[in-house]
Structure formats: structure tokens, C-alpha cells
Amino acid sequence: MKKNKVVVSQKPAPSYGGDKGNAKKNRPAKTKESTKRQSMLNTHKINPFKYDMNEILDASSMDPSKASSFLASVIAKASRVSTKDAKEFVRTYLDSGDLTKEEFDKISRLLDRYSKFR
């Protein structure tokens, strides 16, 4: 994740006498960290996403107690980090044998359909 620094200019404080005005002038300029836009889960469409994911997980051979925590983890990663990281997380379940390749593809398409750049 590449971060660019943006320098925000500061206006000099009005001097009303004394050394109070000089204290602000000697401070370094403030910087903001800007990050590259990433594809993340659209939180406004989270309920339809849950519904579609539950349909896929109900048809899968995954244990229902494991499926619940799996769904929560996918939603958390996709809405807070990125859909790319959520797909990598789903791939670990594919590699461990909990999901089939078809189920992995369906989940990946769902993540793409319900995502937006932020």
C-alpha cells in the first residue's frame, strides 16, 4: 500500500504582541497521509450480500457453526481492509478443503458485485 504525503499549508497566526505568534511560526507544516483507493464491500448493500452468501454457504459442505464465523470474517475484511484481502482469506478455506472451487468462484463474484472503491 503506497502512501503519499500531502503538505497542508498553514496560515501565519496574527501577532498581538509578545512571543506567542512566533511559537506557531516555528512549527513544522502538518502532513496528511493519503492512501490509494481500494475496492471494499459496500456497507449500504450488506444485507443482500449476507443473504446471497448464506445461500452459497447453505449449499456447501461447510459446518454451519464454522460458516457463521467465516461469513463474519469475510464481511469484516471486505468492508474494512479490501475485497482483495477477503478473497485471499476465502482462498485459505479453499486450500484447506472447506470450500470447492465453484463455491470460491461464486463468493469472489459476489465480493466484486457488492464492492465499491473507497
N, C-alpha and C. Protein backbone atom coordinates (compact mmCIF):
# COMPACT_ATOMS: atom_id res chain seq x y z
N MET A 1 0.85 -1.16 0.00
CA MET A 1 0.00 0.00 0.00
C MET A 1 0.91 1.24 0.00
N LYS A 2 0.89 1.99 -1.08
CA LYS A 2 1.72 3.16 -1.21
C LYS A 2 1.02 4.36 -0.61
N LYS A 3 1.74 5.11 0.22
CA LYS A 3 1.17 6.29 0.86
C LYS A 3 1.89 7.53 0.35
N ASN A 4 1.14 8.51 -0.02
CA ASN A 4 1.69 9.78 -0.46
C ASN A 4 1.46 10.82 0.63
N LYS A 5 2.44 11.71 0.82
CA LYS A 5 2.28 12.76 1.81
C LYS A 5 1.81 14.02 1.12
N VAL A 6 0.81 14.64 1.69
CA VAL A 6 0.28 15.89 1.18
C VAL A 6 0.53 16.95 2.25
N VAL A 7 1.21 18.02 1.87
CA VAL A 7 1.52 19.07 2.83
C VAL A 7 0.37 20.08 2.83
N VAL A 8 -0.17 20.33 4.02
CA VAL A 8 -1.25 21.29 4.19
C VAL A 8 -0.62 22.59 4.65
N SER A 9 -0.87 23.66 3.91
CA SER A 9 -0.24 24.93 4.26
C SER A 9 -0.91 25.53 5.49
N GLN A 10 -0.10 26.20 6.27
CA GLN A 10 -0.61 26.87 7.46
C GLN A 10 -0.56 28.37 7.25
N LYS A 11 -1.61 29.04 7.64
CA LYS A 11 -1.61 30.49 7.59
C LYS A 11 -0.92 31.00 8.85
N PRO A 12 -0.11 32.01 8.72
CA PRO A 12 0.54 32.53 9.92
C PRO A 12 -0.49 33.13 10.88
N ALA A 13 -0.28 32.88 12.14
CA ALA A 13 -1.19 33.39 13.16
C ALA A 13 -0.99 34.89 13.30
N PRO A 14 -2.07 35.62 13.55
CA PRO A 14 -1.91 37.07 13.75
C PRO A 14 -1.12 37.33 15.02
N SER A 15 -0.23 38.28 14.95
CA SER A 15 0.63 38.59 16.09
C SER A 15 0.02 39.75 16.88
N TYR A 16 -0.27 39.51 18.14
CA TYR A 16 -0.86 40.53 19.01
C TYR A 16 0.15 41.01 20.04
N GLY A 17 1.40 40.76 19.78
CA GLY A 17 2.43 41.20 20.71
C GLY A 17 3.02 40.02 21.45
N GLY A 18 4.21 40.19 21.91
CA GLY A 18 4.87 39.13 22.65
C GLY A 18 5.41 38.05 21.72
N ASP A 19 5.83 36.93 22.29
CA ASP A 19 6.40 35.83 21.52
C ASP A 19 5.38 34.76 21.19
N LYS A 20 4.12 34.99 21.49
CA LYS A 20 3.10 33.97 21.24
C LYS A 20 2.96 33.66 19.76
N GLY A 21 3.06 34.66 18.90
CA GLY A 21 2.92 34.45 17.47
C GLY A 21 4.09 33.68 16.89
N ASN A 22 5.28 33.85 17.45
CA ASN A 22 6.46 33.16 16.95
C ASN A 22 6.43 31.67 17.22
N ALA A 23 5.74 31.24 18.25
CA ALA A 23 5.70 29.82 18.59
C ALA A 23 5.01 29.03 17.48
N LYS A 24 3.96 29.57 16.88
CA LYS A 24 3.26 28.88 15.81
C LYS A 24 4.04 28.92 14.50
N LYS A 25 4.80 29.97 14.27
CA LYS A 25 5.55 30.10 13.03
C LYS A 25 6.68 29.08 12.95
N ASN A 26 7.20 28.65 14.07
CA ASN A 26 8.33 27.73 14.08
C ASN A 26 7.93 26.26 14.00
N ARG A 27 6.63 25.97 14.02
CA ARG A 27 6.18 24.59 13.94
C ARG A 27 6.32 24.07 12.52
N PRO A 28 6.61 22.78 12.37
CA PRO A 28 6.67 22.22 11.02
C PRO A 28 5.27 22.13 10.41
N ALA A 29 5.19 22.10 9.09
CA ALA A 29 3.90 22.02 8.40
C ALA A 29 3.25 20.67 8.69
N LYS A 30 1.92 20.66 8.80
CA LYS A 30 1.18 19.44 9.05
C LYS A 30 1.14 18.60 7.77
N THR A 31 1.16 17.28 7.92
CA THR A 31 1.08 16.41 6.76
C THR A 31 -0.10 15.46 6.92
N LYS A 32 -0.73 15.12 5.81
CA LYS A 32 -1.81 14.14 5.80
C LYS A 32 -1.34 12.94 5.01
N GLU A 33 -1.67 11.75 5.49
CA GLU A 33 -1.36 10.54 4.77
C GLU A 33 -2.53 10.20 3.86
N SER A 34 -2.29 10.08 2.56
CA SER A 34 -3.36 9.68 1.66
C SER A 34 -3.03 8.28 1.12
N THR A 35 -4.03 7.43 1.05
CA THR A 35 -3.81 6.08 0.59
C THR A 35 -4.49 5.88 -0.75
N LYS A 36 -4.01 4.86 -1.46
CA LYS A 36 -4.59 4.55 -2.76
C LYS A 36 -5.99 3.98 -2.56
N ARG A 37 -6.91 4.32 -3.47
CA ARG A 37 -8.29 3.84 -3.36
C ARG A 37 -8.32 2.34 -3.58
N GLN A 38 -9.14 1.65 -2.78
CA GLN A 38 -9.24 0.20 -2.86
C GLN A 38 -10.69 -0.22 -3.00
N SER A 39 -10.88 -1.39 -3.55
CA SER A 39 -12.21 -1.96 -3.67
C SER A 39 -12.60 -2.55 -2.31
N MET A 40 -13.71 -2.06 -1.76
CA MET A 40 -14.20 -2.55 -0.47
C MET A 40 -15.68 -2.86 -0.57
N LEU A 41 -16.15 -3.65 0.38
CA LEU A 41 -17.56 -4.03 0.41
C LEU A 41 -18.41 -2.79 0.66
N ASN A 42 -19.46 -2.63 -0.15
CA ASN A 42 -20.38 -1.51 0.02
C ASN A 42 -21.27 -1.80 1.23
N THR A 43 -21.11 -1.01 2.28
CA THR A 43 -21.84 -1.28 3.52
C THR A 43 -23.33 -0.99 3.40
N HIS A 44 -23.73 -0.25 2.36
CA HIS A 44 -25.16 0.00 2.16
C HIS A 44 -25.88 -1.23 1.60
N LYS A 45 -25.12 -2.17 1.05
CA LYS A 45 -25.70 -3.37 0.46
C LYS A 45 -25.31 -4.62 1.23
N ILE A 46 -25.08 -4.47 2.53
CA ILE A 46 -24.57 -5.60 3.31
C ILE A 46 -25.64 -6.68 3.53
N ASN A 47 -26.90 -6.30 3.67
CA ASN A 47 -27.94 -7.31 3.88
C ASN A 47 -28.16 -8.20 2.66
N PRO A 48 -28.26 -7.64 1.45
CA PRO A 48 -28.35 -8.54 0.29
C PRO A 48 -27.10 -9.42 0.12
N PHE A 49 -25.94 -8.87 0.49
CA PHE A 49 -24.70 -9.66 0.42
C PHE A 49 -24.77 -10.84 1.38
N LYS A 50 -25.21 -10.59 2.62
CA LYS A 50 -25.35 -11.67 3.60
C LYS A 50 -26.32 -12.74 3.10
N TYR A 51 -27.42 -12.32 2.51
CA TYR A 51 -28.43 -13.26 2.01
C TYR A 51 -27.82 -14.16 0.94
N ASP A 52 -27.14 -13.55 -0.03
CA ASP A 52 -26.53 -14.34 -1.11
C ASP A 52 -25.42 -15.24 -0.59
N MET A 53 -24.63 -14.74 0.36
CA MET A 53 -23.57 -15.58 0.94
C MET A 53 -24.16 -16.76 1.71
N ASN A 54 -25.24 -16.52 2.45
CA ASN A 54 -25.87 -17.62 3.19
C ASN A 54 -26.41 -18.69 2.25
N GLU A 55 -26.92 -18.29 1.08
CA GLU A 55 -27.38 -19.28 0.11
C GLU A 55 -26.22 -20.15 -0.37
N ILE A 56 -25.08 -19.54 -0.62
CA ILE A 56 -23.90 -20.30 -1.06
C ILE A 56 -23.42 -21.21 0.06
N LEU A 57 -23.37 -20.69 1.29
CA LEU A 57 -22.85 -21.48 2.41
C LEU A 57 -23.81 -22.60 2.82
N ASP A 58 -25.13 -22.39 2.66
CA ASP A 58 -26.08 -23.45 2.97
C ASP A 58 -25.93 -24.61 1.99
N ALA A 59 -25.63 -24.31 0.74
CA ALA A 59 -25.46 -25.36 -0.26
C ALA A 59 -24.09 -26.04 -0.15
N SER A 60 -23.16 -25.43 0.56
CA SER A 60 -21.81 -26.00 0.68
C SER A 60 -21.78 -27.08 1.76
N SER A 61 -20.65 -27.76 1.82
CA SER A 61 -20.48 -28.82 2.82
C SER A 61 -19.84 -28.29 4.10
N MET A 62 -19.71 -26.98 4.22
CA MET A 62 -19.08 -26.38 5.40
C MET A 62 -19.99 -26.54 6.62
N ASP A 63 -19.39 -26.81 7.76
CA ASP A 63 -20.10 -26.93 9.03
C ASP A 63 -20.82 -25.61 9.34
N PRO A 64 -22.11 -25.63 9.69
CA PRO A 64 -22.86 -24.38 9.94
C PRO A 64 -22.24 -23.48 11.02
N SER A 65 -21.66 -24.07 12.05
CA SER A 65 -21.04 -23.23 13.09
C SER A 65 -19.78 -22.54 12.55
N LYS A 66 -19.06 -23.21 11.67
CA LYS A 66 -17.89 -22.62 11.05
C LYS A 66 -18.30 -21.59 10.00
N ALA A 67 -19.41 -21.83 9.32
CA ALA A 67 -19.88 -20.94 8.26
C ALA A 67 -20.25 -19.57 8.82
N SER A 68 -20.82 -19.54 10.02
CA SER A 68 -21.22 -18.28 10.63
C SER A 68 -20.00 -17.39 10.90
N SER A 69 -18.96 -17.94 11.49
CA SER A 69 -17.76 -17.15 11.77
C SER A 69 -17.01 -16.82 10.48
N PHE A 70 -17.08 -17.73 9.51
CA PHE A 70 -16.46 -17.48 8.21
C PHE A 70 -17.11 -16.26 7.54
N LEU A 71 -18.43 -16.22 7.54
CA LEU A 71 -19.17 -15.11 6.94
C LEU A 71 -18.83 -13.79 7.63
N ALA A 72 -18.79 -13.80 8.95
CA ALA A 72 -18.47 -12.58 9.70
C ALA A 72 -17.06 -12.09 9.38
N SER A 73 -16.11 -13.02 9.25
CA SER A 73 -14.74 -12.63 8.93
C SER A 73 -14.62 -12.07 7.52
N VAL A 74 -15.33 -12.68 6.57
CA VAL A 74 -15.30 -12.18 5.19
C VAL A 74 -15.87 -10.77 5.14
N ILE A 75 -16.99 -10.53 5.82
CA ILE A 75 -17.61 -9.20 5.82
C ILE A 75 -16.67 -8.18 6.48
N ALA A 76 -16.05 -8.55 7.58
CA ALA A 76 -15.16 -7.63 8.28
C ALA A 76 -13.96 -7.26 7.40
N LYS A 77 -13.33 -8.25 6.78
CA LYS A 77 -12.17 -7.97 5.93
C LYS A 77 -12.56 -7.17 4.71
N ALA A 78 -13.68 -7.53 4.07
CA ALA A 78 -14.08 -6.86 2.84
C ALA A 78 -14.53 -5.42 3.08
N SER A 79 -15.11 -5.14 4.24
CA SER A 79 -15.60 -3.78 4.48
C SER A 79 -14.55 -2.88 5.13
N ARG A 80 -13.55 -3.45 5.79
CA ARG A 80 -12.56 -2.63 6.49
C ARG A 80 -11.20 -2.60 5.82
N VAL A 81 -10.78 -3.71 5.20
CA VAL A 81 -9.45 -3.76 4.60
C VAL A 81 -9.58 -3.62 3.09
N SER A 82 -9.98 -4.69 2.40
CA SER A 82 -10.24 -4.65 0.96
C SER A 82 -10.84 -5.98 0.53
N THR A 83 -11.49 -5.98 -0.63
CA THR A 83 -12.06 -7.23 -1.14
C THR A 83 -10.95 -8.18 -1.57
N LYS A 84 -9.80 -7.63 -1.94
CA LYS A 84 -8.66 -8.48 -2.32
C LYS A 84 -8.21 -9.33 -1.13
N ASP A 85 -8.10 -8.71 0.04
CA ASP A 85 -7.72 -9.45 1.25
C ASP A 85 -8.80 -10.45 1.64
N ALA A 86 -10.06 -10.09 1.43
CA ALA A 86 -11.15 -11.02 1.75
C ALA A 86 -11.09 -12.24 0.83
N LYS A 87 -10.75 -12.04 -0.44
CA LYS A 87 -10.62 -13.16 -1.37
C LYS A 87 -9.46 -14.07 -0.98
N GLU A 88 -8.37 -13.47 -0.52
CA GLU A 88 -7.23 -14.27 -0.04
C GLU A 88 -7.64 -15.10 1.18
N PHE A 89 -8.46 -14.52 2.05
CA PHE A 89 -8.96 -15.24 3.22
C PHE A 89 -9.84 -16.41 2.79
N VAL A 90 -10.71 -16.19 1.80
CA VAL A 90 -11.58 -17.25 1.29
C VAL A 90 -10.73 -18.35 0.64
N ARG A 91 -9.64 -17.95 -0.01
CA ARG A 91 -8.76 -18.93 -0.66
C ARG A 91 -8.14 -19.89 0.36
N THR A 92 -7.90 -19.42 1.59
CA THR A 92 -7.35 -20.32 2.61
C THR A 92 -8.34 -21.44 2.93
N TYR A 93 -9.64 -21.12 2.88
CA TYR A 93 -10.66 -22.14 3.12
C TYR A 93 -10.75 -23.09 1.92
N LEU A 94 -10.48 -22.58 0.73
CA LEU A 94 -10.44 -23.43 -0.45
C LEU A 94 -9.26 -24.39 -0.35
N ASP A 95 -8.11 -23.88 0.07
CA ASP A 95 -6.92 -24.71 0.20
C ASP A 95 -7.06 -25.76 1.30
N SER A 96 -7.80 -25.45 2.35
CA SER A 96 -7.98 -26.42 3.45
C SER A 96 -9.06 -27.45 3.14
N GLY A 97 -9.83 -27.24 2.07
CA GLY A 97 -10.82 -28.23 1.67
C GLY A 97 -12.22 -27.95 2.19
N ASP A 98 -12.43 -26.83 2.85
CA ASP A 98 -13.77 -26.49 3.36
C ASP A 98 -14.69 -25.98 2.25
N LEU A 99 -14.11 -25.43 1.18
CA LEU A 99 -14.88 -24.91 0.06
C LEU A 99 -14.40 -25.56 -1.24
N THR A 100 -15.30 -25.65 -2.21
CA THR A 100 -14.91 -26.14 -3.53
C THR A 100 -14.52 -24.95 -4.40
N LYS A 101 -13.94 -25.25 -5.56
CA LYS A 101 -13.54 -24.21 -6.49
C LYS A 101 -14.76 -23.41 -6.98
N GLU A 102 -15.88 -24.09 -7.22
CA GLU A 102 -17.09 -23.41 -7.69
C GLU A 102 -17.62 -22.44 -6.62
N GLU A 103 -17.61 -22.87 -5.37
CA GLU A 103 -18.07 -22.01 -4.27
C GLU A 103 -17.14 -20.81 -4.11
N PHE A 104 -15.85 -21.04 -4.25
CA PHE A 104 -14.88 -19.94 -4.18
C PHE A 104 -15.15 -18.93 -5.29
N ASP A 105 -15.41 -19.41 -6.50
CA ASP A 105 -15.69 -18.51 -7.62
C ASP A 105 -16.97 -17.71 -7.39
N LYS A 106 -18.01 -18.37 -6.85
CA LYS A 106 -19.26 -17.67 -6.57
C LYS A 106 -19.06 -16.56 -5.53
N ILE A 107 -18.29 -16.87 -4.48
CA ILE A 107 -18.03 -15.88 -3.42
C ILE A 107 -17.21 -14.72 -3.98
N SER A 108 -16.25 -15.02 -4.83
CA SER A 108 -15.43 -13.96 -5.43
C SER A 108 -16.28 -13.04 -6.31
N ARG A 109 -17.20 -13.63 -7.07
CA ARG A 109 -18.09 -12.81 -7.90
C ARG A 109 -19.01 -11.95 -7.04
N LEU A 110 -19.48 -12.52 -5.92
CA LEU A 110 -20.32 -11.73 -5.00
C LEU A 110 -19.55 -10.54 -4.43
N LEU A 111 -18.31 -10.78 -4.02
CA LEU A 111 -17.49 -9.70 -3.48
C LEU A 111 -17.30 -8.60 -4.53
N ASP A 112 -17.10 -8.99 -5.78
CA ASP A 112 -16.93 -8.00 -6.84
C ASP A 112 -18.23 -7.24 -7.09
N ARG A 113 -19.35 -7.95 -7.05
CA ARG A 113 -20.64 -7.33 -7.33
C ARG A 113 -21.04 -6.32 -6.26
N TYR A 114 -20.76 -6.63 -5.00
CA TYR A 114 -21.19 -5.77 -3.89
C TYR A 114 -20.06 -4.85 -3.39
N SER A 115 -19.10 -4.55 -4.21
CA SER A 115 -17.99 -3.70 -3.76
C SER A 115 -18.02 -2.35 -4.46
N LYS A 116 -17.29 -1.41 -3.87
CA LYS A 116 -17.09 -0.10 -4.46
C LYS A 116 -15.71 0.41 -4.04
N PHE A 117 -15.20 1.37 -4.79
CA PHE A 117 -13.89 1.92 -4.47
C PHE A 117 -14.03 3.02 -3.43
N ARG A 118 -13.18 2.93 -2.36
CA ARG A 118 -13.13 3.99 -1.37
C ARG A 118 -11.70 4.14 -0.89
